[in-house]
Amino acid sequence: MKKTFFLLAMILLTGTSAVTFAQKDRALKNGFSINLVAGLPASTYGLESDVELDDEFKLGPIMGLQIGSRWYFGPGKRFGGGLMVNWFDFTGAFKSNSTGSLEWNRLVADITVLEVGPVFTFRFMDNLALDGYYNLRPTGLATIITIKFGDESDEEAFAGIGVSHAIGAAFRWNVLSIGAEYVLGGIKCSNMDSESFDPTEKLMVNSIRFMLGVKF
């Protein structure tokens, strides 16, 4: 997973460097964006907010991809406001561990479509700008936990649909964009096995995410 993410980052940066100096000033122009995402999940990511975990059970880093567009409405020379839409945003985190005959795995996936909200951009100079934004995130969340002890195994899967939120900022130089955002909220999930236990509380999506990408 990490090697794949690194390879995608190298391809993205190589393509960016090939077109950067051929691009006109894109600071306050409508455009299309692609971001690679890496982040740090909260300890309760994919769990109820009151769950306490030892470090050995906490998830690894978040990784994913975000694809979106933006439109500015009557931008000035230095400042512009507009609409930001992320058509597709997928992130996931995974953790696996084993002790003796006990082996367990935990996977959490967050899929968002039509993520929308305002974006505000300040242009410092040609091709250099700072974005600030808020996004409302229609989110599908899934958590899968598998436990294997010797020849015995068990699996619990939870999934649900709800709304989460993201607040972020990004620096842009020409087409290259580097940013960070905080995602927060909870999604009401049900056990995929109707006869099993359903969480009484929402499962959390809180995380810090870092983005490296391009905005054309």
Protein backbone atom coordinates (compact mmCIF):
# COMPACT_ATOMS: atom_id res chain seq x y z
CA MET A 1 0.00 0.00 0.00
CA LYS A 2 2.74 2.46 0.96
CA LYS A 3 4.82 1.56 -2.13
CA THR A 4 1.79 2.09 -4.37
CA PHE A 5 1.09 5.46 -2.75
CA PHE A 6 4.74 6.51 -3.19
CA LEU A 7 4.65 5.47 -6.86
CA LEU A 8 1.49 7.49 -7.48
CA ALA A 9 3.09 10.51 -5.80
CA MET A 10 6.16 10.25 -8.04
CA ILE A 11 3.99 10.00 -11.17
CA LEU A 12 1.96 13.01 -10.05
CA LEU A 13 5.05 15.12 -9.33
CA THR A 14 6.72 14.10 -12.59
CA GLY A 15 3.66 15.08 -14.59
CA THR A 16 3.40 18.33 -12.67
CA SER A 17 7.00 19.33 -13.32
CA ALA A 18 6.50 18.68 -17.04
CA VAL A 19 3.63 21.17 -17.35
CA THR A 20 4.26 23.68 -14.56
CA PHE A 21 6.18 26.24 -16.56
CA ALA A 22 3.80 25.95 -19.50
CA GLN A 23 0.77 26.92 -17.43
CA LYS A 24 -0.66 30.42 -17.14
CA ASP A 25 -1.53 31.93 -13.76
CA ARG A 26 -4.13 29.54 -12.28
CA ALA A 27 -4.55 31.13 -8.84
CA LEU A 28 -8.12 32.41 -9.30
CA LYS A 29 -9.24 30.33 -12.28
CA ASN A 30 -11.87 27.60 -12.42
CA GLY A 31 -10.31 24.17 -12.62
CA PHE A 32 -10.07 20.45 -12.00
CA SER A 33 -8.02 18.94 -9.14
CA ILE A 34 -6.50 15.59 -8.18
CA ASN A 35 -5.01 15.00 -4.71
CA LEU A 36 -3.20 12.11 -3.11
CA VAL A 37 -4.21 11.86 0.54
CA ALA A 38 -2.24 10.65 3.56
CA GLY A 39 -3.21 11.23 7.16
CA LEU A 40 -3.41 10.36 10.82
CA PRO A 41 -6.65 8.86 12.13
CA ALA A 42 -7.92 9.55 15.63
CA SER A 43 -7.70 6.57 17.99
CA THR A 44 -11.47 6.16 17.66
CA TYR A 45 -11.48 6.26 13.84
CA GLY A 46 -14.17 3.79 12.79
CA LEU A 47 -15.23 3.22 16.43
CA GLU A 48 -17.56 4.79 18.98
CA SER A 49 -16.28 7.99 20.57
CA ASP A 50 -15.93 6.56 24.10
CA VAL A 51 -13.78 3.55 23.11
CA GLU A 52 -10.28 3.50 24.62
CA LEU A 53 -7.59 1.52 22.79
CA ASP A 54 -4.04 0.50 23.58
CA ASP A 55 -1.48 1.68 21.04
CA GLU A 56 -1.10 -1.81 19.56
CA PHE A 57 -4.74 -1.75 18.37
CA LYS A 58 -4.68 1.71 16.78
CA LEU A 59 -4.88 1.99 13.01
CA GLY A 60 -2.03 2.77 10.68
CA PRO A 61 -1.96 5.89 8.46
CA ILE A 62 -4.84 6.94 6.23
CA MET A 63 -4.23 6.81 2.48
CA GLY A 64 -6.47 7.69 -0.42
CA LEU A 65 -7.39 9.78 -3.44
CA GLN A 66 -9.54 12.88 -3.98
CA ILE A 67 -10.87 14.20 -7.32
CA GLY A 68 -12.73 17.51 -7.58
CA SER A 69 -13.50 20.82 -9.30
CA ARG A 70 -13.96 24.44 -8.33
CA TRP A 71 -15.62 27.55 -9.73
CA TYR A 72 -14.93 31.19 -8.76
CA PHE A 73 -17.63 33.85 -8.92
CA GLY A 74 -16.39 37.30 -9.98
CA PRO A 75 -12.88 37.03 -8.50
CA GLY A 76 -10.81 40.20 -8.04
CA LYS A 77 -7.11 40.68 -8.65
CA ARG A 78 -6.08 39.30 -5.23
CA PHE A 79 -9.12 37.58 -3.72
CA GLY A 80 -11.84 35.25 -4.89
CA GLY A 81 -14.64 33.14 -3.48
CA GLY A 82 -16.35 30.20 -5.07
CA LEU A 83 -17.73 26.70 -4.92
CA MET A 84 -15.60 23.60 -4.29
CA VAL A 85 -16.93 20.15 -5.25
CA ASN A 86 -15.05 16.91 -4.67
CA TRP A 87 -16.71 14.38 -6.93
CA PHE A 88 -15.03 11.40 -5.31
CA ASP A 89 -12.99 11.04 -2.13
CA PHE A 90 -11.78 7.66 -0.89
CA THR A 91 -9.56 7.00 2.11
CA GLY A 92 -8.79 3.88 4.11
CA ALA A 93 -6.73 2.73 7.10
CA PHE A 94 -5.63 -0.75 8.10
CA LYS A 95 -4.02 -2.52 11.06
CA SER A 96 -3.00 -6.16 11.50
CA ASN A 97 -1.37 -7.87 14.47
CA SER A 98 -0.77 -11.33 15.86
CA THR A 99 0.20 -12.73 19.25
CA GLY A 100 0.77 -16.46 19.47
CA SER A 101 -2.31 -18.18 18.04
CA LEU A 102 -4.33 -14.93 18.01
CA GLU A 103 -4.45 -12.89 14.81
CA TRP A 104 -6.65 -9.89 14.13
CA ASN A 105 -7.19 -7.33 11.37
CA ARG A 106 -9.06 -4.03 11.32
CA LEU A 107 -9.97 -2.08 8.19
CA VAL A 108 -11.82 1.24 7.98
CA ALA A 109 -12.89 2.77 4.65
CA ASP A 110 -14.40 6.24 4.13
CA ILE A 111 -16.04 6.96 0.75
CA THR A 112 -17.46 10.41 -0.02
CA VAL A 113 -19.23 11.59 -3.17
CA LEU A 114 -20.37 15.11 -4.11
CA GLU A 115 -18.48 16.71 -1.23
CA VAL A 116 -19.38 20.41 -1.49
CA GLY A 117 -18.69 23.75 0.18
CA PRO A 118 -17.30 27.28 -0.15
CA VAL A 119 -13.66 28.01 -1.02
CA PHE A 120 -11.85 31.32 -0.55
CA THR A 121 -8.52 32.08 -2.22
CA PHE A 122 -5.97 34.84 -1.62
CA ARG A 123 -3.46 35.41 -4.42
CA PHE A 124 -0.07 36.60 -3.13
CA MET A 125 1.53 37.00 -6.58
CA ASP A 126 1.53 35.31 -9.96
CA ASN A 127 0.92 31.56 -9.53
CA LEU A 128 1.14 31.67 -5.70
CA ALA A 129 -2.07 31.46 -3.66
CA LEU A 130 -3.59 30.28 -0.38
CA ASP A 131 -6.95 28.45 -0.24
CA GLY A 132 -9.25 28.09 2.73
CA TYR A 133 -12.39 25.97 2.57
CA TYR A 134 -15.18 24.06 4.29
CA ASN A 135 -16.76 20.90 2.86
CA LEU A 136 -19.96 19.08 3.73
CA ARG A 137 -19.20 15.39 3.16
CA PRO A 138 -21.97 12.86 2.32
CA THR A 139 -20.08 9.85 3.66
CA GLY A 140 -20.27 6.10 3.48
CA LEU A 141 -18.27 4.45 6.28
CA ALA A 142 -17.35 0.78 6.65
CA THR A 143 -15.45 -0.99 9.44
CA ILE A 144 -14.38 -4.63 9.23
CA ILE A 145 -12.81 -6.51 12.15
CA THR A 146 -11.61 -10.10 11.80
CA ILE A 147 -10.27 -12.25 14.64
CA LYS A 148 -8.67 -15.67 14.25
CA PHE A 149 -7.65 -17.88 17.16
CA GLY A 150 -6.22 -21.20 16.05
CA ASP A 151 -8.80 -22.80 13.79
CA GLU A 152 -11.59 -20.53 15.03
CA SER A 153 -12.38 -17.24 13.30
CA ASP A 154 -14.93 -14.46 13.64
CA GLU A 155 -15.74 -11.32 11.64
CA GLU A 156 -17.74 -8.21 12.42
CA ALA A 157 -18.61 -5.69 9.69
CA PHE A 158 -20.33 -2.35 10.24
CA ALA A 159 -21.48 0.11 7.56
CA GLY A 160 -23.57 3.23 7.33
CA ILE A 161 -24.27 6.47 5.46
CA GLY A 162 -24.28 9.94 6.96
CA VAL A 163 -22.69 13.39 6.88
CA SER A 164 -19.26 14.49 8.07
CA HIS A 165 -17.33 17.76 7.73
CA ALA A 166 -13.91 18.98 6.58
CA ILE A 167 -12.10 22.26 7.24
CA GLY A 168 -8.86 22.82 5.37
CA ALA A 169 -6.28 25.03 3.72
CA ALA A 170 -3.77 24.62 0.90
CA PHE A 171 -0.89 26.51 -0.68
CA ARG A 172 -0.80 26.47 -4.46
CA TRP A 173 2.13 27.28 -6.73
CA ASN A 174 1.03 27.18 -10.34
CA VAL A 175 -0.62 23.74 -10.69
CA LEU A 176 1.00 22.18 -7.61
CA SER A 177 -1.09 22.10 -4.40
CA ILE A 178 -0.02 21.15 -0.86
CA GLY A 179 -2.59 21.26 1.94
CA ALA A 180 -4.08 19.84 5.09
CA GLU A 181 -7.58 19.40 6.48
CA TYR A 182 -9.33 18.21 9.60
CA VAL A 183 -12.23 15.81 9.08
CA LEU A 184 -14.74 15.39 11.89
CA GLY A 185 -18.09 13.82 12.59
CA GLY A 186 -19.77 10.49 13.19
CA ILE A 187 -21.73 8.08 11.01
CA LYS A 188 -24.54 5.90 12.30
CA CYS A 189 -23.64 2.34 11.31
CA SER A 190 -25.34 -1.03 11.57
CA ASN A 191 -23.91 -4.52 11.76
CA MET A 192 -24.02 -6.19 8.36
CA ASP A 193 -25.28 -9.32 10.14
CA SER A 194 -28.80 -8.33 11.18
CA GLU A 195 -28.73 -10.73 14.13
CA SER A 196 -25.59 -9.18 15.64
CA PHE A 197 -24.98 -6.21 17.89
CA ASP A 198 -25.54 -2.71 16.46
CA PRO A 199 -23.50 0.21 17.86
CA THR A 200 -25.58 2.54 20.01
CA GLU A 201 -23.39 5.51 19.09
CA LYS A 202 -22.10 6.84 15.79
CA LEU A 203 -18.72 5.61 14.51
CA MET A 204 -16.19 8.43 14.26
CA VAL A 205 -14.33 9.67 11.17
CA ASN A 206 -12.11 12.25 12.92
CA SER A 207 -8.70 12.52 11.27
CA ILE A 208 -6.00 14.90 10.07
CA ARG A 209 -5.35 14.56 6.34
CA PHE A 210 -2.52 15.93 4.20
CA MET A 211 -2.95 16.44 0.45
CA LEU A 212 -0.43 16.61 -2.37
CA GLY A 213 -1.84 17.21 -5.81
CA VAL A 214 -2.52 19.43 -8.78
CA LYS A 215 -5.20 21.95 -9.72
CA PHE A 216 -5.41 22.66 -13.45
